[in-house]
Every structure is written in C-alpha cells, then in structure tokens.
C-alpha cells in the first residue's frame, strides 16, 4: 500500500509492532527504530526496507541529564534507548 504508486515512503516508528505494521504495508524505510526487536531486522532485510537510525536525540538527552533540568526518568529512558539501539546497529 505505502509504495503502491511507485513512490518512496517512510515511517517514523520506535517499537516492534509499529515497525512490523509499516513493513506489512509496504514502507520503504523506517526512521528511528530505537526499541525494535531482532525479528524486525530479519523482516527488514527480507523486504529490502532501509533503517534510518536516530542516535543524536537520545545522546543529547543523556549528555544534558538532570543537570540540564531533565527528569531522571527521561534520562533513564534515553539510556535504555541508546543501549537497545546500539545492539540493533
């Protein structure tokens, strides 16, 4: 569906369910994918779907940290995302 008109399409998705849904609908690339499971990588390869990772945002959140006025929970979530994203890449 997504590329039924012969156009490139992209989806902004972070987690496994959203990524799989976008791939099933014919998306060309996935943006972000911070929390995807390994199965997504296999499905992306099978369907020729590109990954455009987003690393800088979470890295900046960690760098600013609580000293920058960010909530501890946000910093912890960013750390979790960077760790998981690193495994995927």
PDB file of N, CA and C in Angstrom:
ATOM      1  N   UNK A   1       0.802  -1.188   0.000  1.00  0.00           N
ATOM      2  CA  UNK A   1       0.000   0.000   0.000  1.00  0.00           C
ATOM      3  C   UNK A   1       0.850   1.260   0.000  1.00  0.00           C
ATOM      4  N   UNK A   2       1.812   1.326   0.910  1.00  0.00           N
ATOM      5  CA  UNK A   2       2.572   2.554   1.101  1.00  0.00           C
ATOM      6  C   UNK A   2       3.276   3.000  -0.177  1.00  0.00           C
ATOM      7  N   UNK A   3       3.838   2.075  -0.916  1.00  0.00           N
ATOM      8  CA  UNK A   3       4.535   2.455  -2.136  1.00  0.00           C
ATOM      9  C   UNK A   3       3.803   1.965  -3.386  1.00  0.00           C
ATOM     10  N   UNK A   4       2.508   1.848  -3.315  1.00  0.00           N
ATOM     11  CA  UNK A   4       1.715   1.338  -4.443  1.00  0.00           C
ATOM     12  C   UNK A   4       1.740   2.268  -5.649  1.00  0.00           C
ATOM     13  N   UNK A   5       2.078   3.515  -5.471  1.00  0.00           N
ATOM     14  CA  UNK A   5       2.155   4.468  -6.573  1.00  0.00           C
ATOM     15  C   UNK A   5       3.592   4.608  -7.079  1.00  0.00           C
ATOM     16  N   UNK A   6       4.468   3.704  -6.624  1.00  0.00           N
ATOM     17  CA  UNK A   6       5.857   3.734  -7.068  1.00  0.00           C
ATOM     18  C   UNK A   6       6.693   4.810  -6.389  1.00  0.00           C
ATOM     19  N   UNK A   7       6.248   5.296  -5.265  1.00  0.00           N
ATOM     20  CA  UNK A   7       6.972   6.338  -4.540  1.00  0.00           C
ATOM     21  C   UNK A   7       7.671   5.771  -3.315  1.00  0.00           C
ATOM     22  N   UNK A   8       8.714   6.444  -2.925  1.00  0.00           N
ATOM     23  CA  UNK A   8       9.421   6.081  -1.700  1.00  0.00           C
ATOM     24  C   UNK A   8       8.579   6.550  -0.522  1.00  0.00           C
ATOM     25  N   UNK A   9       8.503   5.720   0.496  1.00  0.00           N
ATOM     26  CA  UNK A   9       7.717   6.070   1.677  1.00  0.00           C
ATOM     27  C   UNK A   9       8.519   5.758   2.930  1.00  0.00           C
ATOM     28  N   UNK A  10       8.241   6.490   3.978  1.00  0.00           N
ATOM     29  CA  UNK A  10       8.950   6.286   5.229  1.00  0.00           C
ATOM     30  C   UNK A  10       7.981   6.324   6.405  1.00  0.00           C
ATOM     31  N   UNK A  11       8.341   5.617   7.448  1.00  0.00           N
ATOM     32  CA  UNK A  11       7.519   5.607   8.663  1.00  0.00           C
ATOM     33  C   UNK A  11       8.400   5.942   9.851  1.00  0.00           C
ATOM     34  N   UNK A  12       7.869   6.743  10.748  1.00  0.00           N
ATOM     35  CA  UNK A  12       8.545   7.051  11.999  1.00  0.00           C
ATOM     36  C   UNK A  12       8.018   6.061  13.030  1.00  0.00           C
ATOM     37  N   UNK A  13       8.864   5.121  13.417  1.00  0.00           N
ATOM     38  CA  UNK A  13       8.434   4.071  14.344  1.00  0.00           C
ATOM     39  C   UNK A  13       9.588   3.729  15.284  1.00  0.00           C
ATOM     40  N   UNK A  14       9.252   3.457  16.515  1.00  0.00           N
ATOM     41  CA  UNK A  14      10.267   3.132  17.517  1.00  0.00           C
ATOM     42  C   UNK A  14      10.208   1.680  17.986  1.00  0.00           C
ATOM     43  N   UNK A  15       9.031   1.096  18.029  1.00  0.00           N
ATOM     44  CA  UNK A  15       8.884  -0.227  18.634  1.00  0.00           C
ATOM     45  C   UNK A  15       8.496  -1.286  17.600  1.00  0.00           C
ATOM     46  N   UNK A  16       8.666  -2.515  17.982  1.00  0.00           N
ATOM     47  CA  UNK A  16       8.480  -3.667  17.100  1.00  0.00           C
ATOM     48  C   UNK A  16       7.135  -3.692  16.394  1.00  0.00           C
ATOM     49  N   UNK A  17       6.052  -3.535  17.116  1.00  0.00           N
ATOM     50  CA  UNK A  17       4.723  -3.635  16.486  1.00  0.00           C
ATOM     51  C   UNK A  17       4.532  -2.606  15.387  1.00  0.00           C
ATOM     52  N   UNK A  18       4.918  -1.367  15.641  1.00  0.00           N
ATOM     53  CA  UNK A  18       4.779  -0.318  14.638  1.00  0.00           C
ATOM     54  C   UNK A  18       5.657  -0.555  13.430  1.00  0.00           C
ATOM     55  N   UNK A  19       6.847  -1.052  13.647  1.00  0.00           N
ATOM     56  CA  UNK A  19       7.774  -1.340  12.557  1.00  0.00           C
ATOM     57  C   UNK A  19       7.230  -2.465  11.685  1.00  0.00           C
ATOM     58  N   UNK A  20       6.773  -3.533  12.320  1.00  0.00           N
ATOM     59  CA  UNK A  20       6.219  -4.661  11.560  1.00  0.00           C
ATOM     60  C   UNK A  20       4.980  -4.237  10.772  1.00  0.00           C
ATOM     61  N   UNK A  21       4.146  -3.419  11.364  1.00  0.00           N
ATOM     62  CA  UNK A  21       2.942  -2.947  10.687  1.00  0.00           C
ATOM     63  C   UNK A  21       3.324  -2.132   9.439  1.00  0.00           C
ATOM     64  N   UNK A  22       4.294  -1.252   9.581  1.00  0.00           N
ATOM     65  CA  UNK A  22       4.729  -0.427   8.454  1.00  0.00           C
ATOM     66  C   UNK A  22       5.313  -1.293   7.337  1.00  0.00           C
ATOM     67  N   UNK A  23       6.089  -2.283   7.689  1.00  0.00           N
ATOM     68  CA  UNK A  23       6.675  -3.173   6.682  1.00  0.00           C
ATOM     69  C   UNK A  23       5.589  -3.949   5.949  1.00  0.00           C
ATOM     70  N   UNK A  24       4.613  -4.454   6.688  1.00  0.00           N
ATOM     71  CA  UNK A  24       3.497  -5.180   6.055  1.00  0.00           C
ATOM     72  C   UNK A  24       2.732  -4.306   5.071  1.00  0.00           C
ATOM     73  N   UNK A  25       2.753  -3.007   5.306  1.00  0.00           N
ATOM     74  CA  UNK A  25       2.028  -2.084   4.438  1.00  0.00           C
ATOM     75  C   UNK A  25       2.900  -1.527   3.312  1.00  0.00           C
ATOM     76  N   UNK A  26       4.115  -2.040   3.174  1.00  0.00           N
ATOM     77  CA  UNK A  26       4.948  -1.707   2.020  1.00  0.00           C
ATOM     78  C   UNK A  26       5.829  -0.480   2.152  1.00  0.00           C
ATOM     79  N   UNK A  27       6.193  -0.111   3.357  1.00  0.00           N
ATOM     80  CA  UNK A  27       7.024   1.068   3.582  1.00  0.00           C
ATOM     81  C   UNK A  27       8.424   0.852   3.007  1.00  0.00           C
ATOM     82  N   UNK A  28       9.084   1.922   2.593  1.00  0.00           N
ATOM     83  CA  UNK A  28      10.436   1.841   2.032  1.00  0.00           C
ATOM     84  C   UNK A  28      11.507   1.912   3.108  1.00  0.00           C
ATOM     85  N   UNK A  29      11.293   2.783   4.110  1.00  0.00           N
ATOM     86  CA  UNK A  29      12.293   2.908   5.176  1.00  0.00           C
ATOM     87  C   UNK A  29      11.623   3.197   6.515  1.00  0.00           C
ATOM     88  N   UNK A  30      12.334   2.836   7.557  1.00  0.00           N
ATOM     89  CA  UNK A  30      11.896   3.073   8.932  1.00  0.00           C
ATOM     90  C   UNK A  30      12.837   4.099   9.550  1.00  0.00           C
ATOM     91  N   UNK A  31      12.259   5.142  10.115  1.00  0.00           N
ATOM     92  CA  UNK A  31      13.036   6.157  10.824  1.00  0.00           C
ATOM     93  C   UNK A  31      12.998   5.831  12.322  1.00  0.00           C
ATOM     94  N   UNK A  32      14.089   6.021  12.988  1.00  0.00           N
ATOM     95  CA  UNK A  32      14.247   5.866  14.438  1.00  0.00           C
ATOM     96  C   UNK A  32      14.480   4.401  14.836  1.00  0.00           C
ATOM     97  N   UNK A  33      13.429   3.620  15.072  1.00  0.00           N
ATOM     98  CA  UNK A  33      13.533   2.197  15.440  1.00  0.00           C
ATOM     99  C   UNK A  33      14.386   1.975  16.688  1.00  0.00           C
ATOM    100  N   UNK A  34      14.239   2.844  17.659  1.00  0.00           N
ATOM    101  CA  UNK A  34      15.074   2.774  18.858  1.00  0.00           C
ATOM    102  C   UNK A  34      14.866   1.505  19.681  1.00  0.00           C
ATOM    103  N   UNK A  35      13.673   0.938  19.633  1.00  0.00           N
ATOM    104  CA  UNK A  35      13.358  -0.188  20.518  1.00  0.00           C
ATOM    105  C   UNK A  35      12.899  -1.427  19.747  1.00  0.00           C
ATOM    106  N   UNK A  36      13.375  -1.604  18.522  1.00  0.00           N
ATOM    107  CA  UNK A  36      12.900  -2.742  17.748  1.00  0.00           C
ATOM    108  C   UNK A  36      13.565  -4.046  18.196  1.00  0.00           C
ATOM    109  N   UNK A  37      12.843  -5.130  18.029  1.00  0.00           N
ATOM    110  CA  UNK A  37      13.350  -6.466  18.347  1.00  0.00           C
ATOM    111  C   UNK A  37      14.145  -6.995  17.156  1.00  0.00           C
ATOM    112  N   UNK A  38      14.955  -8.003  17.409  1.00  0.00           N
ATOM    113  CA  UNK A  38      15.772  -8.606  16.360  1.00  0.00           C
ATOM    114  C   UNK A  38      14.931  -9.094  15.173  1.00  0.00           C
ATOM    115  N   UNK A  39      13.722  -9.553  15.443  1.00  0.00           N
ATOM    116  CA  UNK A  39      12.881 -10.057  14.359  1.00  0.00           C
ATOM    117  C   UNK A  39      12.612  -8.977  13.321  1.00  0.00           C
ATOM    118  N   UNK A  40      12.590  -7.724  13.731  1.00  0.00           N
ATOM    119  CA  UNK A  40      12.367  -6.622  12.782  1.00  0.00           C
ATOM    120  C   UNK A  40      13.517  -6.528  11.783  1.00  0.00           C
ATOM    121  N   UNK A  41      14.728  -6.750  12.258  1.00  0.00           N
ATOM    122  CA  UNK A  41      15.890  -6.686  11.381  1.00  0.00           C
ATOM    123  C   UNK A  41      15.759  -7.730  10.285  1.00  0.00           C
ATOM    124  N   UNK A  42      15.382  -8.936  10.666  1.00  0.00           N
ATOM    125  CA  UNK A  42      15.211 -10.013   9.688  1.00  0.00           C
ATOM    126  C   UNK A  42      14.119  -9.670   8.670  1.00  0.00           C
ATOM    127  N   UNK A  43      13.016  -9.116   9.138  1.00  0.00           N
ATOM    128  CA  UNK A  43      11.904  -8.766   8.254  1.00  0.00           C
ATOM    129  C   UNK A  43      12.313  -7.620   7.333  1.00  0.00           C
ATOM    130  N   UNK A  44      13.046  -6.657   7.864  1.00  0.00           N
ATOM    131  CA  UNK A  44      13.504  -5.534   7.048  1.00  0.00           C
ATOM    132  C   UNK A  44      14.426  -6.017   5.927  1.00  0.00           C
ATOM    133  N   UNK A  45      15.341  -6.907   6.250  1.00  0.00           N
ATOM    134  CA  UNK A  45      16.242  -7.453   5.239  1.00  0.00           C
ATOM    135  C   UNK A  45      15.443  -8.201   4.174  1.00  0.00           C
ATOM    136  N   UNK A  46      14.519  -9.023   4.601  1.00  0.00           N
ATOM    137  CA  UNK A  46      13.698  -9.813   3.677  1.00  0.00           C
ATOM    138  C   UNK A  46      12.935  -8.922   2.696  1.00  0.00           C
ATOM    139  N   UNK A  47      12.433  -7.778   3.183  1.00  0.00           N
ATOM    140  CA  UNK A  47      11.609  -6.896   2.353  1.00  0.00           C
ATOM    141  C   UNK A  47      12.393  -5.732   1.752  1.00  0.00           C
ATOM    142  N   UNK A  48      13.696  -5.666   2.006  1.00  0.00           N
ATOM    143  CA  UNK A  48      14.509  -4.585   1.450  1.00  0.00           C
ATOM    144  C   UNK A  48      14.182  -3.219   2.023  1.00  0.00           C
ATOM    145  N   UNK A  49      13.811  -3.175   3.293  1.00  0.00           N
ATOM    146  CA  UNK A  49      13.445  -1.933   3.962  1.00  0.00           C
ATOM    147  C   UNK A  49      14.699  -1.329   4.607  1.00  0.00           C
ATOM    148  N   UNK A  50      14.886  -0.042   4.399  1.00  0.00           N
ATOM    149  CA  UNK A  50      16.032   0.663   4.954  1.00  0.00           C
ATOM    150  C   UNK A  50      15.750   1.124   6.380  1.00  0.00           C
ATOM    151  N   UNK A  51      16.828   1.255   7.164  1.00  0.00           N
ATOM    152  CA  UNK A  51      16.745   1.810   8.510  1.00  0.00           C
ATOM    153  C   UNK A  51      17.483   3.137   8.526  1.00  0.00           C
ATOM    154  N   UNK A  52      16.827   4.172   9.019  1.00  0.00           N
ATOM    155  CA  UNK A  52      17.452   5.479   9.226  1.00  0.00           C
ATOM    156  C   UNK A  52      17.462   5.708  10.737  1.00  0.00           C
ATOM    157  N   UNK A  53      18.558   5.327  11.395  1.00  0.00           N
ATOM    158  CA  UNK A  53      18.584   5.408  12.857  1.00  0.00           C
ATOM    159  C   UNK A  53      18.665   6.845  13.357  1.00  0.00           C
ATOM    160  N   UNK A  54      18.156   7.057  14.540  1.00  0.00           N
ATOM    161  CA  UNK A  54      18.241   8.355  15.201  1.00  0.00           C
ATOM    162  C   UNK A  54      19.003   8.148  16.501  1.00  0.00           C
ATOM    163  N   UNK A  55      20.199   8.662  16.536  1.00  0.00           N
ATOM    164  CA  UNK A  55      21.051   8.447  17.698  1.00  0.00           C
ATOM    165  C   UNK A  55      21.255   9.743  18.474  1.00  0.00           C
ATOM    166  N   UNK A  56      21.321  10.852  17.780  1.00  0.00           N
ATOM    167  CA  UNK A  56      21.710  12.122  18.400  1.00  0.00           C
ATOM    168  C   UNK A  56      20.737  12.596  19.479  1.00  0.00           C
ATOM    169  N   UNK A  57      19.438  12.419  19.275  1.00  0.00           N
ATOM    170  CA  UNK A  57      18.462  12.950  20.235  1.00  0.00           C
ATOM    171  C   UNK A  57      18.648  12.336  21.621  1.00  0.00           C
ATOM    172  N   UNK A  58      18.680  11.024  21.697  1.00  0.00           N
ATOM    173  CA  UNK A  58      18.835  10.359  22.995  1.00  0.00           C
ATOM    174  C   UNK A  58      20.207  10.642  23.597  1.00  0.00           C
ATOM    175  N   UNK A  59      21.223  10.724  22.751  1.00  0.00           N
ATOM    176  CA  UNK A  59      22.565  11.021  23.234  1.00  0.00           C
ATOM    177  C   UNK A  59      22.622  12.413  23.858  1.00  0.00           C
ATOM    178  N   UNK A  60      21.949  13.360  23.248  1.00  0.00           N
ATOM    179  CA  UNK A  60      21.910  14.727  23.800  1.00  0.00           C
ATOM    180  C   UNK A  60      21.152  14.762  25.131  1.00  0.00           C
ATOM    181  N   UNK A  61      20.062  13.994  25.224  1.00  0.00           N
ATOM    182  CA  UNK A  61      19.302  13.928  26.479  1.00  0.00           C
ATOM    183  C   UNK A  61      20.193  13.394  27.595  1.00  0.00           C
ATOM    184  N   UNK A  62      20.951  12.351  27.298  1.00  0.00           N
ATOM    185  CA  UNK A  62      21.861  11.783  28.300  1.00  0.00           C
ATOM    186  C   UNK A  62      22.928  12.805  28.673  1.00  0.00           C
ATOM    187  N   UNK A  63      23.464  13.496  27.669  1.00  0.00           N
ATOM    188  CA  UNK A  63      24.508  14.489  27.909  1.00  0.00           C
ATOM    189  C   UNK A  63      24.034  15.641  28.790  1.00  0.00           C
ATOM    190  N   UNK A  64      22.801  16.088  28.551  1.00  0.00           N
ATOM    191  CA  UNK A  64      22.252  17.180  29.361  1.00  0.00           C
ATOM    192  C   UNK A  64      21.915  16.691  30.761  1.00  0.00           C
ATOM    193  N   UNK A  65      21.288  15.529  30.807  1.00  0.00           N
ATOM    194  CA  UNK A  65      20.958  14.912  32.081  1.00  0.00           C
ATOM    195  C   UNK A  65      20.146  15.776  33.026  1.00  0.00           C
ATOM    196  N   UNK A  66      20.139  15.350  34.249  1.00  0.00           N
ATOM    197  CA  UNK A  66      19.400  16.051  35.293  1.00  0.00           C
ATOM    198  C   UNK A  66      19.953  17.451  35.512  1.00  0.00           C
ATOM    199  N   UNK A  67      21.259  17.625  35.310  1.00  0.00           N
ATOM    200  CA  UNK A  67      21.876  18.945  35.480  1.00  0.00           C
ATOM    201  C   UNK A  67      21.305  19.948  34.482  1.00  0.00           C
ATOM    202  N   UNK A  68      20.816  19.431  33.347  1.00  0.00           N
ATOM    203  CA  UNK A  68      20.213  20.279  32.335  1.00  0.00           C
ATOM    204  C   UNK A  68      18.731  20.509  32.573  1.00  0.00           C
ATOM    205  N   UNK A  69      18.225  20.015  33.696  1.00  0.00           N
ATOM    206  CA  UNK A  69      16.832  20.227  34.042  1.00  0.00           C
ATOM    207  C   UNK A  69      15.893  19.126  33.570  1.00  0.00           C
ATOM    208  N   UNK A  70      16.446  18.039  33.060  1.00  0.00           N
ATOM    209  CA  UNK A  70      15.602  16.936  32.590  1.00  0.00           C
ATOM    210  C   UNK A  70      15.254  15.988  33.733  1.00  0.00           C
ATOM    211  N   UNK A  71      14.072  15.442  33.673  1.00  0.00           N
ATOM    212  CA  UNK A  71      13.638  14.485  34.691  1.00  0.00           C
ATOM    213  C   UNK A  71      14.503  13.228  34.631  1.00  0.00           C
ATOM    214  N   UNK A  72      14.773  12.664  35.786  1.00  0.00           N
ATOM    215  CA  UNK A  72      15.592  11.449  35.886  1.00  0.00           C
ATOM    216  C   UNK A  72      15.028  10.332  35.000  1.00  0.00           C
ATOM    217  N   UNK A  73      13.705  10.210  34.951  1.00  0.00           N
ATOM    218  CA  UNK A  73      13.058   9.151  34.158  1.00  0.00           C
ATOM    219  C   UNK A  73      13.344   9.320  32.663  1.00  0.00           C
ATOM    220  N   UNK A  74      13.384  10.561  32.200  1.00  0.00           N
ATOM    221  CA  UNK A  74      13.672  10.815  30.782  1.00  0.00           C
ATOM    222  C   UNK A  74      15.099  10.413  30.441  1.00  0.00           C
ATOM    223  N   UNK A  75      16.014  10.722  31.333  1.00  0.00           N
ATOM    224  CA  UNK A  75      17.418  10.368  31.118  1.00  0.00           C
ATOM    225  C   UNK A  75      17.569   8.847  31.118  1.00  0.00           C
ATOM    226  N   UNK A  76      16.911   8.175  32.053  1.00  0.00           N
ATOM    227  CA  UNK A  76      16.980   6.712  32.117  1.00  0.00           C
ATOM    228  C   UNK A  76      16.394   6.080  30.853  1.00  0.00           C
ATOM    229  N   UNK A  77      15.288   6.612  30.368  1.00  0.00           N
ATOM    230  CA  UNK A  77      14.682   6.089  29.143  1.00  0.00           C
ATOM    231  C   UNK A  77      15.619   6.301  27.958  1.00  0.00           C
ATOM    232  N   UNK A  78      16.246   7.453  27.887  1.00  0.00           N
ATOM    233  CA  UNK A  78      17.190   7.725  26.803  1.00  0.00           C
ATOM    234  C   UNK A  78      18.365   6.747  26.855  1.00  0.00           C
ATOM    235  N   UNK A  79      18.833   6.451  28.052  1.00  0.00           N
ATOM    236  CA  UNK A  79      19.928   5.495  28.204  1.00  0.00           C
ATOM    237  C   UNK A  79      19.503   4.108  27.732  1.00  0.00           C
ATOM    238  N   UNK A  80      18.296   3.721  28.059  1.00  0.00           N
ATOM    239  CA  UNK A  80      17.761   2.436  27.620  1.00  0.00           C
ATOM    240  C   UNK A  80      17.667   2.402  26.083  1.00  0.00           C
ATOM    241  N   UNK A  81      17.181   3.483  25.504  1.00  0.00           N
ATOM    242  CA  UNK A  81      17.033   3.543  24.045  1.00  0.00           C
ATOM    243  C   UNK A  81      18.387   3.458  23.344  1.00  0.00           C
ATOM    244  N   UNK A  82      19.382   4.188  23.846  1.00  0.00           N
ATOM    245  CA  UNK A  82      20.701   4.158  23.236  1.00  0.00           C
ATOM    246  C   UNK A  82      21.305   2.762  23.333  1.00  0.00           C
ATOM    247  N   UNK A  83      21.148   2.116  24.474  1.00  0.00           N
ATOM    248  CA  UNK A  83      21.696   0.765  24.651  1.00  0.00           C
ATOM    249  C   UNK A  83      21.028  -0.199  23.672  1.00  0.00           C
ATOM    250  N   UNK A  84      19.703  -0.158  23.570  1.00  0.00           N
ATOM    251  CA  UNK A  84      18.977  -1.064  22.677  1.00  0.00           C
ATOM    252  C   UNK A  84      19.286  -0.748  21.218  1.00  0.00           C
ATOM    253  N   UNK A  85      19.357   0.520  20.903  1.00  0.00           N
ATOM    254  CA  UNK A  85      19.653   0.931  19.524  1.00  0.00           C
ATOM    255  C   UNK A  85      21.051   0.459  19.127  1.00  0.00           C
ATOM    256  N   UNK A  86      21.992   0.566  20.062  1.00  0.00           N
ATOM    257  CA  UNK A  86      23.355   0.104  19.795  1.00  0.00           C
ATOM    258  C   UNK A  86      23.397  -1.382  19.483  1.00  0.00           C
ATOM    259  N   UNK A  87      22.590  -2.159  20.184  1.00  0.00           N
ATOM    260  CA  UNK A  87      22.520  -3.604  19.917  1.00  0.00           C
ATOM    261  C   UNK A  87      22.005  -3.856  18.512  1.00  0.00           C
ATOM    262  N   UNK A  88      21.022  -3.087  18.087  1.00  0.00           N
ATOM    263  CA  UNK A  88      20.406  -3.283  16.765  1.00  0.00           C
ATOM    264  C   UNK A  88      21.338  -2.882  15.631  1.00  0.00           C
ATOM    265  N   UNK A  89      22.137  -1.871  15.867  1.00  0.00           N
ATOM    266  CA  UNK A  89      23.017  -1.402  14.800  1.00  0.00           C
ATOM    267  C   UNK A  89      24.229  -2.283  14.681  1.00  0.00           C
TER     268      UNK A  89
END
